[in-house]
Amino acid sequence: MAWGARSWVCAGSNFLPHEHIALYEACAVEKDFDKGRRIMSAMLPLMDFLEGGKFVQSIKHGCALAGMRPGGVRAPLQGLDENEQQALQAIVATLKSEVAGIAGGKA
């Protein structure tokens, strides 16, 4: 958005909607691109994790962390292992905390 995009769709918004809304509000509503860049920087570890080769599994586990019941992945995919689940949970917790701090508790 800082480069002129009018919107952005990220699968992580399925389980982190408030943080993605904070990004939109910072850039599109407030036109505060410094704030938007700080929020996006907080999101980069999530983006890296999602691009790590287990995209569908990561989205499903993220939804489970958010209290949804996404069900399992279809064969031949395998769910995230325990280490991957813990890594995603840590990334999500850090992201939520950082964005809340940046957005003034709105996220």
PDB file of N, CA and C in Angstrom:
ATOM      1  N   MET A   1       0.816  -1.182   0.000  1.00  0.00           N
ATOM      2  CA  MET A   1       0.000   0.000   0.000  1.00  0.00           C
ATOM      3  C   MET A   1       0.866   1.256   0.000  1.00  0.00           C
ATOM      4  N   ALA A   2       2.015   1.155   0.642  1.00  0.00           N
ATOM      5  CA  ALA A   2       2.924   2.300   0.648  1.00  0.00           C
ATOM      6  C   ALA A   2       3.441   2.598  -0.752  1.00  0.00           C
ATOM      7  N   TRP A   3       3.363   1.612  -1.644  1.00  0.00           N
ATOM      8  CA  TRP A   3       3.814   1.803  -3.016  1.00  0.00           C
ATOM      9  C   TRP A   3       2.653   2.046  -3.963  1.00  0.00           C
ATOM     10  N   GLY A   4       1.460   2.248  -3.437  1.00  0.00           N
ATOM     11  CA  GLY A   4       0.329   2.600  -4.278  1.00  0.00           C
ATOM     12  C   GLY A   4      -0.733   1.530  -4.453  1.00  0.00           C
ATOM     13  N   ALA A   5      -0.519   0.324  -3.926  1.00  0.00           N
ATOM     14  CA  ALA A   5      -1.555  -0.708  -4.022  1.00  0.00           C
ATOM     15  C   ALA A   5      -2.780  -0.256  -3.239  1.00  0.00           C
ATOM     16  N   ARG A   6      -3.958  -0.547  -3.755  1.00  0.00           N
ATOM     17  CA  ARG A   6      -5.185  -0.124  -3.080  1.00  0.00           C
ATOM     18  C   ARG A   6      -5.715  -1.175  -2.119  1.00  0.00           C
ATOM     19  N   SER A   7      -5.195  -2.385  -2.211  1.00  0.00           N
ATOM     20  CA  SER A   7      -5.627  -3.440  -1.303  1.00  0.00           C
ATOM     21  C   SER A   7      -4.575  -4.539  -1.291  1.00  0.00           C
ATOM     22  N   TRP A   8      -4.781  -5.492  -0.398  1.00  0.00           N
ATOM     23  CA  TRP A   8      -3.859  -6.622  -0.282  1.00  0.00           C
ATOM     24  C   TRP A   8      -4.641  -7.767   0.334  1.00  0.00           C
ATOM     25  N   VAL A   9      -4.467  -8.952  -0.194  1.00  0.00           N
ATOM     26  CA  VAL A   9      -5.126 -10.126   0.340  1.00  0.00           C
ATOM     27  C   VAL A   9      -4.042 -11.069   0.851  1.00  0.00           C
ATOM     28  N   CYS A  10      -4.156 -11.439   2.108  1.00  0.00           N
ATOM     29  CA  CYS A  10      -3.212 -12.361   2.715  1.00  0.00           C
ATOM     30  C   CYS A  10      -4.000 -13.458   3.418  1.00  0.00           C
ATOM     31  N   ALA A  11      -3.616 -14.679   3.200  1.00  0.00           N
ATOM     32  CA  ALA A  11      -4.322 -15.797   3.832  1.00  0.00           C
ATOM     33  C   ALA A  11      -4.240 -15.729   5.350  1.00  0.00           C
ATOM     34  N   GLY A  12      -3.218 -15.080   5.873  1.00  0.00           N
ATOM     35  CA  GLY A  12      -3.108 -14.922   7.322  1.00  0.00           C
ATOM     36  C   GLY A  12      -4.255 -14.122   7.923  1.00  0.00           C
ATOM     37  N   SER A  13      -4.949 -13.360   7.085  1.00  0.00           N
ATOM     38  CA  SER A  13      -6.085 -12.588   7.604  1.00  0.00           C
ATOM     39  C   SER A  13      -7.223 -13.504   8.048  1.00  0.00           C
ATOM     40  N   ASN A  14      -7.193 -14.761   7.628  1.00  0.00           N
ATOM     41  CA  ASN A  14      -8.198 -15.720   8.088  1.00  0.00           C
ATOM     42  C   ASN A  14      -8.121 -15.941   9.593  1.00  0.00           C
ATOM     43  N   PHE A  15      -6.925 -15.821  10.151  1.00  0.00           N
ATOM     44  CA  PHE A  15      -6.783 -16.055  11.588  1.00  0.00           C
ATOM     45  C   PHE A  15      -6.189 -14.862  12.335  1.00  0.00           C
ATOM     46  N   LEU A  16      -5.837 -13.812  11.633  1.00  0.00           N
ATOM     47  CA  LEU A  16      -5.350 -12.576  12.253  1.00  0.00           C
ATOM     48  C   LEU A  16      -6.065 -11.369  11.629  1.00  0.00           C
ATOM     49  N   PRO A  17      -7.391 -11.352  11.668  1.00  0.00           N
ATOM     50  CA  PRO A  17      -8.106 -10.277  10.970  1.00  0.00           C
ATOM     51  C   PRO A  17      -7.835  -8.890  11.553  1.00  0.00           C
ATOM     52  N   HIS A  18      -7.746  -8.775  12.853  1.00  0.00           N
ATOM     53  CA  HIS A  18      -7.569  -7.456  13.461  1.00  0.00           C
ATOM     54  C   HIS A  18      -6.227  -6.829  13.073  1.00  0.00           C
ATOM     55  N   GLU A  19      -5.216  -7.652  12.991  1.00  0.00           N
ATOM     56  CA  GLU A  19      -3.898  -7.152  12.620  1.00  0.00           C
ATOM     57  C   GLU A  19      -3.874  -6.698  11.165  1.00  0.00           C
ATOM     58  N   HIS A  20      -4.577  -7.413  10.303  1.00  0.00           N
ATOM     59  CA  HIS A  20      -4.638  -7.017   8.901  1.00  0.00           C
ATOM     60  C   HIS A  20      -5.503  -5.766   8.715  1.00  0.00           C
ATOM     61  N   ILE A  21      -6.541  -5.640   9.511  1.00  0.00           N
ATOM     62  CA  ILE A  21      -7.352  -4.418   9.480  1.00  0.00           C
ATOM     63  C   ILE A  21      -6.514  -3.231   9.956  1.00  0.00           C
ATOM     64  N   ALA A  22      -5.668  -3.443  10.964  1.00  0.00           N
ATOM     65  CA  ALA A  22      -4.791  -2.376  11.449  1.00  0.00           C
ATOM     66  C   ALA A  22      -3.864  -1.897  10.341  1.00  0.00           C
ATOM     67  N   LEU A  23      -3.365  -2.829   9.525  1.00  0.00           N
ATOM     68  CA  LEU A  23      -2.516  -2.463   8.390  1.00  0.00           C
ATOM     69  C   LEU A  23      -3.304  -1.620   7.389  1.00  0.00           C
ATOM     70  N   TYR A  24      -4.493  -2.072   7.057  1.00  0.00           N
ATOM     71  CA  TYR A  24      -5.339  -1.328   6.116  1.00  0.00           C
ATOM     72  C   TYR A  24      -5.653   0.071   6.656  1.00  0.00           C
ATOM     73  N   GLU A  25      -6.054   0.140   7.909  1.00  0.00           N
ATOM     74  CA  GLU A  25      -6.400   1.443   8.478  1.00  0.00           C
ATOM     75  C   GLU A  25      -5.207   2.388   8.488  1.00  0.00           C
ATOM     76  N   ALA A  26      -4.031   1.871   8.847  1.00  0.00           N
ATOM     77  CA  ALA A  26      -2.837   2.714   8.873  1.00  0.00           C
ATOM     78  C   ALA A  26      -2.540   3.285   7.489  1.00  0.00           C
ATOM     79  N   CYS A  27      -2.579   2.427   6.478  1.00  0.00           N
ATOM     80  CA  CYS A  27      -2.182   2.857   5.133  1.00  0.00           C
ATOM     81  C   CYS A  27      -3.305   3.537   4.351  1.00  0.00           C
ATOM     82  N   ALA A  28      -4.478   2.918   4.303  1.00  0.00           N
ATOM     83  CA  ALA A  28      -5.551   3.404   3.432  1.00  0.00           C
ATOM     84  C   ALA A  28      -6.410   4.482   4.086  1.00  0.00           C
ATOM     85  N   VAL A  29      -6.596   4.389   5.394  1.00  0.00           N
ATOM     86  CA  VAL A  29      -7.476   5.350   6.069  1.00  0.00           C
ATOM     87  C   VAL A  29      -6.662   6.514   6.631  1.00  0.00           C
ATOM     88  N   GLU A  30      -5.647   6.194   7.432  1.00  0.00           N
ATOM     89  CA  GLU A  30      -4.852   7.233   8.083  1.00  0.00           C
ATOM     90  C   GLU A  30      -3.758   7.806   7.191  1.00  0.00           C
ATOM     91  N   LYS A  31      -3.424   7.100   6.123  1.00  0.00           N
ATOM     92  CA  LYS A  31      -2.318   7.487   5.228  1.00  0.00           C
ATOM     93  C   LYS A  31      -1.002   7.625   5.996  1.00  0.00           C
ATOM     94  N   ASP A  32      -0.865   6.812   7.040  1.00  0.00           N
ATOM     95  CA  ASP A  32       0.331   6.806   7.878  1.00  0.00           C
ATOM     96  C   ASP A  32       1.189   5.616   7.448  1.00  0.00           C
ATOM     97  N   PHE A  33       2.011   5.850   6.417  1.00  0.00           N
ATOM     98  CA  PHE A  33       2.782   4.754   5.839  1.00  0.00           C
ATOM     99  C   PHE A  33       3.942   4.317   6.730  1.00  0.00           C
ATOM    100  N   ASP A  34       4.423   5.205   7.591  1.00  0.00           N
ATOM    101  CA  ASP A  34       5.440   4.768   8.560  1.00  0.00           C
ATOM    102  C   ASP A  34       4.837   3.726   9.495  1.00  0.00           C
ATOM    103  N   LYS A  35       3.645   3.996   9.982  1.00  0.00           N
ATOM    104  CA  LYS A  35       2.939   3.046  10.843  1.00  0.00           C
ATOM    105  C   LYS A  35       2.649   1.758  10.072  1.00  0.00           C
ATOM    106  N   GLY A  36       2.197   1.893   8.842  1.00  0.00           N
ATOM    107  CA  GLY A  36       1.922   0.725   8.007  1.00  0.00           C
ATOM    108  C   GLY A  36       3.158  -0.127   7.793  1.00  0.00           C
ATOM    109  N   ARG A  37       4.302   0.508   7.567  1.00  0.00           N
ATOM    110  CA  ARG A  37       5.545  -0.243   7.386  1.00  0.00           C
ATOM    111  C   ARG A  37       5.944  -0.966   8.667  1.00  0.00           C
ATOM    112  N   ARG A  38       5.707  -0.338   9.820  1.00  0.00           N
ATOM    113  CA  ARG A  38       6.014  -1.009  11.097  1.00  0.00           C
ATOM    114  C   ARG A  38       5.114  -2.228  11.276  1.00  0.00           C
ATOM    115  N   ILE A  39       3.837  -2.084  10.927  1.00  0.00           N
ATOM    116  CA  ILE A  39       2.918  -3.225  11.029  1.00  0.00           C
ATOM    117  C   ILE A  39       3.350  -4.322  10.059  1.00  0.00           C
ATOM    118  N   MET A  40       3.673  -3.940   8.834  1.00  0.00           N
ATOM    119  CA  MET A  40       4.085  -4.937   7.849  1.00  0.00           C
ATOM    120  C   MET A  40       5.379  -5.613   8.278  1.00  0.00           C
ATOM    121  N   SER A  41       6.292  -4.870   8.870  1.00  0.00           N
ATOM    122  CA  SER A  41       7.532  -5.472   9.372  1.00  0.00           C
ATOM    123  C   SER A  41       7.230  -6.514  10.445  1.00  0.00           C
ATOM    124  N   ALA A  42       6.234  -6.235  11.289  1.00  0.00           N
ATOM    125  CA  ALA A  42       5.836  -7.209  12.305  1.00  0.00           C
ATOM    126  C   ALA A  42       5.226  -8.449  11.666  1.00  0.00           C
ATOM    127  N   MET A  43       4.653  -8.295  10.475  1.00  0.00           N
ATOM    128  CA  MET A  43       4.022  -9.418   9.779  1.00  0.00           C
ATOM    129  C   MET A  43       5.009 -10.267   8.973  1.00  0.00           C
ATOM    130  N   LEU A  44       6.188  -9.756   8.722  1.00  0.00           N
ATOM    131  CA  LEU A  44       7.133 -10.478   7.862  1.00  0.00           C
ATOM    132  C   LEU A  44       7.499 -11.877   8.364  1.00  0.00           C
ATOM    133  N   PRO A  45       7.706 -12.092   9.674  1.00  0.00           N
ATOM    134  CA  PRO A  45       7.974 -13.471  10.102  1.00  0.00           C
ATOM    135  C   PRO A  45       6.824 -14.427   9.760  1.00  0.00           C
ATOM    136  N   LEU A  46       5.587 -13.947   9.836  1.00  0.00           N
ATOM    137  CA  LEU A  46       4.450 -14.779   9.435  1.00  0.00           C
ATOM    138  C   LEU A  46       4.511 -15.071   7.947  1.00  0.00           C
ATOM    139  N   MET A  47       4.786 -14.051   7.136  1.00  0.00           N
ATOM    140  CA  MET A  47       4.869 -14.258   5.690  1.00  0.00           C
ATOM    141  C   MET A  47       5.948 -15.286   5.352  1.00  0.00           C
ATOM    142  N   ASP A  48       7.099 -15.163   6.031  1.00  0.00           N
ATOM    143  CA  ASP A  48       8.177 -16.130   5.810  1.00  0.00           C
ATOM    144  C   ASP A  48       7.732 -17.545   6.181  1.00  0.00           C
ATOM    145  N   PHE A  49       7.055 -17.679   7.306  1.00  0.00           N
ATOM    146  CA  PHE A  49       6.592 -18.993   7.740  1.00  0.00           C
ATOM    147  C   PHE A  49       5.593 -19.567   6.746  1.00  0.00           C
ATOM    148  N   LEU A  50       4.652 -18.745   6.288  1.00  0.00           N
ATOM    149  CA  LEU A  50       3.637 -19.224   5.351  1.00  0.00           C
ATOM    150  C   LEU A  50       4.255 -19.673   4.029  1.00  0.00           C
ATOM    151  N   GLU A  51       5.347 -19.065   3.650  1.00  0.00           N
ATOM    152  CA  GLU A  51       6.008 -19.429   2.399  1.00  0.00           C
ATOM    153  C   GLU A  51       7.024 -20.560   2.577  1.00  0.00           C
ATOM    154  N   GLY A  52       7.049 -21.172   3.757  1.00  0.00           N
ATOM    155  CA  GLY A  52       8.035 -22.197   4.067  1.00  0.00           C
ATOM    156  C   GLY A  52       7.735 -23.581   3.531  1.00  0.00           C
ATOM    157  N   GLY A  53       6.709 -23.733   2.716  1.00  0.00           N
ATOM    158  CA  GLY A  53       6.444 -25.018   2.093  1.00  0.00           C
ATOM    159  C   GLY A  53       5.224 -25.751   2.616  1.00  0.00           C
ATOM    160  N   LYS A  54       4.637 -25.249   3.679  1.00  0.00           N
ATOM    161  CA  LYS A  54       3.438 -25.895   4.228  1.00  0.00           C
ATOM    162  C   LYS A  54       2.345 -24.843   4.403  1.00  0.00           C
ATOM    163  N   PHE A  55       2.014 -24.209   3.300  1.00  0.00           N
ATOM    164  CA  PHE A  55       1.077 -23.077   3.312  1.00  0.00           C
ATOM    165  C   PHE A  55      -0.296 -23.465   3.853  1.00  0.00           C
ATOM    166  N   VAL A  56      -0.920 -24.466   3.259  1.00  0.00           N
ATOM    167  CA  VAL A  56      -2.269 -24.869   3.661  1.00  0.00           C
ATOM    168  C   VAL A  56      -2.267 -25.328   5.117  1.00  0.00           C
ATOM    169  N   GLN A  57      -1.278 -26.117   5.476  1.00  0.00           N
ATOM    170  CA  GLN A  57      -1.196 -26.619   6.844  1.00  0.00           C
ATOM    171  C   GLN A  57      -1.045 -25.463   7.833  1.00  0.00           C
ATOM    172  N   SER A  58      -0.273 -24.462   7.449  1.00  0.00           N
ATOM    173  CA  SER A  58      -0.050 -23.313   8.324  1.00  0.00           C
ATOM    174  C   SER A  58      -1.322 -22.495   8.498  1.00  0.00           C
ATOM    175  N   ILE A  59      -2.057 -22.283   7.432  1.00  0.00           N
ATOM    176  CA  ILE A  59      -3.311 -21.531   7.522  1.00  0.00           C
ATOM    177  C   ILE A  59      -4.298 -22.287   8.404  1.00  0.00           C
ATOM    178  N   LYS A  60      -4.398 -23.585   8.198  1.00  0.00           N
ATOM    179  CA  LYS A  60      -5.325 -24.381   9.016  1.00  0.00           C
ATOM    180  C   LYS A  60      -4.932 -24.338  10.487  1.00  0.00           C
ATOM    181  N   HIS A  61      -3.646 -24.455  10.775  1.00  0.00           N
ATOM    182  CA  HIS A  61      -3.228 -24.406  12.176  1.00  0.00           C
ATOM    183  C   HIS A  61      -3.447 -23.005  12.751  1.00  0.00           C
ATOM    184  N   GLY A  62      -3.185 -21.980  11.968  1.00  0.00           N
ATOM    185  CA  GLY A  62      -3.460 -20.616  12.432  1.00  0.00           C
ATOM    186  C   GLY A  62      -4.929 -20.435  12.773  1.00  0.00           C
ATOM    187  N   CYS A  63      -5.803 -20.985  11.954  1.00  0.00           N
ATOM    188  CA  CYS A  63      -7.246 -20.914  12.230  1.00  0.00           C
ATOM    189  C   CYS A  63      -7.584 -21.669  13.512  1.00  0.00           C
ATOM    190  N   ALA A  64      -6.933 -22.814  13.722  1.00  0.00           N
ATOM    191  CA  ALA A  64      -7.158 -23.564  14.961  1.00  0.00           C
ATOM    192  C   ALA A  64      -6.690 -22.755  16.170  1.00  0.00           C
ATOM    193  N   LEU A  65      -5.558 -22.067  16.047  1.00  0.00           N
ATOM    194  CA  LEU A  65      -5.069 -21.219  17.131  1.00  0.00           C
ATOM    195  C   LEU A  65      -6.064 -20.109  17.461  1.00  0.00           C
ATOM    196  N   ALA A  66      -6.795 -19.664  16.448  1.00  0.00           N
ATOM    197  CA  ALA A  66      -7.779 -18.589  16.629  1.00  0.00           C
ATOM    198  C   ALA A  66      -9.120 -19.113  17.135  1.00  0.00           C
ATOM    199  N   GLY A  67      -9.202 -20.418  17.391  1.00  0.00           N
ATOM    200  CA  GLY A  67     -10.413 -20.985  17.956  1.00  0.00           C
ATOM    201  C   GLY A  67     -11.393 -21.547  16.938  1.00  0.00           C
ATOM    202  N   MET A  68     -10.991 -21.583  15.683  1.00  0.00           N
ATOM    203  CA  MET A  68     -11.849 -22.177  14.652  1.00  0.00           C
ATOM    204  C   MET A  68     -11.578 -23.674  14.559  1.00  0.00           C
ATOM    205  N   ARG A  69     -12.447 -24.361  13.868  1.00  0.00           N
ATOM    206  CA  ARG A  69     -12.269 -25.802  13.648  1.00  0.00           C
ATOM    207  C   ARG A  69     -12.094 -26.046  12.154  1.00  0.00           C
ATOM    208  N   PRO A  70     -10.859 -25.879  11.660  1.00  0.00           N
ATOM    209  CA  PRO A  70     -10.634 -25.962  10.222  1.00  0.00           C
ATOM    210  C   PRO A  70     -10.605 -27.379   9.663  1.00  0.00           C
ATOM    211  N   GLY A  71     -10.507 -28.376  10.499  1.00  0.00           N
ATOM    212  CA  GLY A  71     -10.382 -29.739  10.001  1.00  0.00           C
ATOM    213  C   GLY A  71      -8.966 -30.019   9.543  1.00  0.00           C
ATOM    214  N   GLY A  72      -8.730 -31.257   9.174  1.00  0.00           N
ATOM    215  CA  GLY A  72      -7.393 -31.664   8.743  1.00  0.00           C
ATOM    216  C   GLY A  72      -7.125 -31.302   7.301  1.00  0.00           C
ATOM    217  N   VAL A  73      -5.901 -31.528   6.898  1.00  0.00           N
ATOM    218  CA  VAL A  73      -5.525 -31.284   5.510  1.00  0.00           C
ATOM    219  C   VAL A  73      -5.816 -32.541   4.699  1.00  0.00           C
ATOM    220  N   ARG A  74      -6.012 -32.368   3.424  1.00  0.00           N
ATOM    221  CA  ARG A  74      -6.285 -33.506   2.534  1.00  0.00           C
ATOM    222  C   ARG A  74      -4.989 -34.206   2.163  1.00  0.00           C
ATOM    223  N   ALA A  75      -5.092 -35.508   2.007  1.00  0.00           N
ATOM    224  CA  ALA A  75      -3.956 -36.303   1.548  1.00  0.00           C
ATOM    225  C   ALA A  75      -3.556 -35.822   0.158  1.00  0.00           C
ATOM    226  N   PRO A  76      -2.316 -35.819  -0.137  1.00  0.00           N
ATOM    227  CA  PRO A  76      -1.193 -36.422   0.579  1.00  0.00           C
ATOM    228  C   PRO A  76      -0.532 -35.475   1.585  1.00  0.00           C
ATOM    229  N   LEU A  77      -1.096 -34.304   1.822  1.00  0.00           N
ATOM    230  CA  LEU A  77      -0.495 -33.370   2.771  1.00  0.00           C
ATOM    231  C   LEU A  77      -0.534 -33.936   4.185  1.00  0.00           C
ATOM    232  N   GLN A  78       0.429 -33.520   4.965  1.00  0.00           N
ATOM    233  CA  GLN A  78       0.504 -33.866   6.378  1.00  0.00           C
ATOM    234  C   GLN A  78       0.423 -32.562   7.164  1.00  0.00           C
ATOM    235  N   GLY A  79      -0.189 -32.605   8.326  1.00  0.00           N
ATOM    236  CA  GLY A  79      -0.271 -31.414   9.163  1.00  0.00           C
ATOM    237  C   GLY A  79       1.101 -30.971   9.645  1.00  0.00           C
ATOM    238  N   LEU A  80       1.122 -29.829  10.296  1.00  0.00           N
ATOM    239  CA  LEU A  80       2.374 -29.349  10.873  1.00  0.00           C
ATOM    240  C   LEU A  80       2.800 -30.272  12.009  1.00  0.00           C
ATOM    241  N   ASP A  81       4.103 -30.487  12.133  1.00  0.00           N
ATOM    242  CA  ASP A  81       4.582 -31.271  13.275  1.00  0.00           C
ATOM    243  C   ASP A  81       4.599 -30.379  14.519  1.00  0.00           C
ATOM    244  N   GLU A  82       4.907 -30.962  15.652  1.00  0.00           N
ATOM    245  CA  GLU A  82       4.840 -30.232  16.927  1.00  0.00           C
ATOM    246  C   GLU A  82       5.741 -28.994  16.924  1.00  0.00           C
ATOM    247  N   ASN A  83       6.952 -29.126  16.396  1.00  0.00           N
ATOM    248  CA  ASN A  83       7.875 -27.986  16.351  1.00  0.00           C
ATOM    249  C   ASN A  83       7.329 -26.870  15.465  1.00  0.00           C
ATOM    250  N   GLU A  84       6.759 -27.237  14.333  1.00  0.00           N
ATOM    251  CA  GLU A  84       6.186 -26.235  13.431  1.00  0.00           C
ATOM    252  C   GLU A  84       4.974 -25.559  14.061  1.00  0.00           C
ATOM    253  N   GLN A  85       4.160 -26.332  14.768  1.00  0.00           N
ATOM    254  CA  GLN A  85       3.006 -25.755  15.456  1.00  0.00           C
ATOM    255  C   GLN A  85       3.450 -24.745  16.506  1.00  0.00           C
ATOM    256  N   GLN A  86       4.454 -25.113  17.281  1.00  0.00           N
ATOM    257  CA  GLN A  86       4.966 -24.206  18.309  1.00  0.00           C
ATOM    258  C   GLN A  86       5.586 -22.962  17.688  1.00  0.00           C
ATOM    259  N   ALA A  87       6.290 -23.135  16.570  1.00  0.00           N
ATOM    260  CA  ALA A  87       6.902 -21.984  15.895  1.00  0.00           C
ATOM    261  C   ALA A  87       5.822 -21.021  15.407  1.00  0.00           C
ATOM    262  N   LEU A  88       4.767 -21.547  14.790  1.00  0.00           N
ATOM    263  CA  LEU A  88       3.700 -20.678  14.304  1.00  0.00           C
ATOM    264  C   LEU A  88       3.000 -19.997  15.471  1.00  0.00           C
ATOM    265  N   GLN A  89       2.769 -20.715  16.544  1.00  0.00           N
ATOM    266  CA  GLN A  89       2.122 -20.121  17.708  1.00  0.00           C
ATOM    267  C   GLN A  89       2.957 -18.965  18.267  1.00  0.00           C
ATOM    268  N   ALA A  90       4.259 -19.124  18.317  1.00  0.00           N
ATOM    269  CA  ALA A  90       5.144 -18.064  18.807  1.00  0.00           C
ATOM    270  C   ALA A  90       5.126 -16.863  17.870  1.00  0.00           C
ATOM    271  N   ILE A  91       5.143 -17.124  16.572  1.00  0.00           N
ATOM    272  CA  ILE A  91       5.098 -16.038  15.586  1.00  0.00           C
ATOM    273  C   ILE A  91       3.800 -15.254  15.725  1.00  0.00           C
ATOM    274  N   VAL A  92       2.691 -15.963  15.853  1.00  0.00           N
ATOM    275  CA  VAL A  92       1.385 -15.313  15.990  1.00  0.00           C
ATOM    276  C   VAL A  92       1.335 -14.476  17.266  1.00  0.00           C
ATOM    277  N   ALA A  93       1.807 -15.005  18.368  1.00  0.00           N
ATOM    278  CA  ALA A  93       1.787 -14.267  19.637  1.00  0.00           C
ATOM    279  C   ALA A  93       2.617 -12.992  19.546  1.00  0.00           C
ATOM    280  N   THR A  94       3.802 -13.099  18.968  1.00  0.00           N
ATOM    281  CA  THR A  94       4.668 -11.936  18.821  1.00  0.00           C
ATOM    282  C   THR A  94       4.037 -10.906  17.892  1.00  0.00           C
ATOM    283  N   LEU A  95       3.506 -11.361  16.768  1.00  0.00           N
ATOM    284  CA  LEU A  95       2.869 -10.463  15.803  1.00  0.00           C
ATOM    285  C   LEU A  95       1.716  -9.701  16.457  1.00  0.00           C
ATOM    286  N   LYS A  96       0.849 -10.416  17.172  1.00  0.00           N
ATOM    287  CA  LYS A  96      -0.291  -9.775  17.836  1.00  0.00           C
ATOM    288  C   LYS A  96       0.182  -8.707  18.815  1.00  0.00           C
ATOM    289  N   SER A  97       1.181  -9.033  19.605  1.00  0.00           N
ATOM    290  CA  SER A  97       1.697  -8.093  20.596  1.00  0.00           C
ATOM    291  C   SER A  97       2.302  -6.861  19.925  1.00  0.00           C
ATOM    292  N   GLU A  98       3.120  -7.071  18.910  1.00  0.00           N
ATOM    293  CA  GLU A  98       3.771  -5.963  18.226  1.00  0.00           C
ATOM    294  C   GLU A  98       2.760  -5.066  17.529  1.00  0.00           C
ATOM    295  N   VAL A  99       1.801  -5.661  16.828  1.00  0.00           N
ATOM    296  CA  VAL A  99       0.819  -4.840  16.105  1.00  0.00           C
ATOM    297  C   VAL A  99      -0.071  -4.083  17.086  1.00  0.00           C
ATOM    298  N   ALA A 100      -0.433  -4.702  18.192  1.00  0.00           N
ATOM    299  CA  ALA A 100      -1.232  -3.997  19.201  1.00  0.00           C
ATOM    300  C   ALA A 100      -0.483  -2.778  19.715  1.00  0.00           C
ATOM    301  N   GLY A 101       0.819  -2.930  19.920  1.00  0.00           N
ATOM    302  CA  GLY A 101       1.632  -1.805  20.368  1.00  0.00           C
ATOM    303  C   GLY A 101       1.725  -0.692  19.331  1.00  0.00           C
ATOM    304  N   ILE A 102       1.839  -1.070  18.086  1.00  0.00           N
ATOM    305  CA  ILE A 102       1.943  -0.099  16.995  1.00  0.00           C
ATOM    306  C   ILE A 102       0.610   0.599  16.761  1.00  0.00           C
ATOM    307  N   ALA A 103      -0.460  -0.177  16.779  1.00  0.00           N
ATOM    308  CA  ALA A 103      -1.788   0.348  16.457  1.00  0.00           C
ATOM    309  C   ALA A 103      -2.479   0.971  17.668  1.00  0.00           C
ATOM    310  N   GLY A 104      -1.796   1.035  18.780  1.00  0.00           N
ATOM    311  CA  GLY A 104      -2.374   1.647  19.964  1.00  0.00           C
ATOM    312  C   GLY A 104      -3.475   0.814  20.592  1.00  0.00           C
ATOM    313  N   GLY A 105      -3.310  -0.509  20.563  1.00  0.00           N
ATOM    314  CA  GLY A 105      -4.276  -1.400  21.183  1.00  0.00           C
ATOM    315  C   GLY A 105      -5.477  -1.711  20.327  1.00  0.00           C
ATOM    316  N   LYS A 106      -5.533  -1.193  19.086  1.00  0.00           N
ATOM    317  CA  LYS A 106      -6.682  -1.452  18.208  1.00  0.00           C
ATOM    318  C   LYS A 106      -6.680  -2.854  17.656  1.00  0.00           C
ATOM    319  N   ALA A 107      -5.530  -3.489  17.554  1.00  0.00           N
ATOM    320  CA  ALA A 107      -5.457  -4.829  16.951  1.00  0.00           C
ATOM    321  C   ALA A 107      -5.703  -5.895  17.973  1.00  0.00           C
TER     322      ALA A 107
END
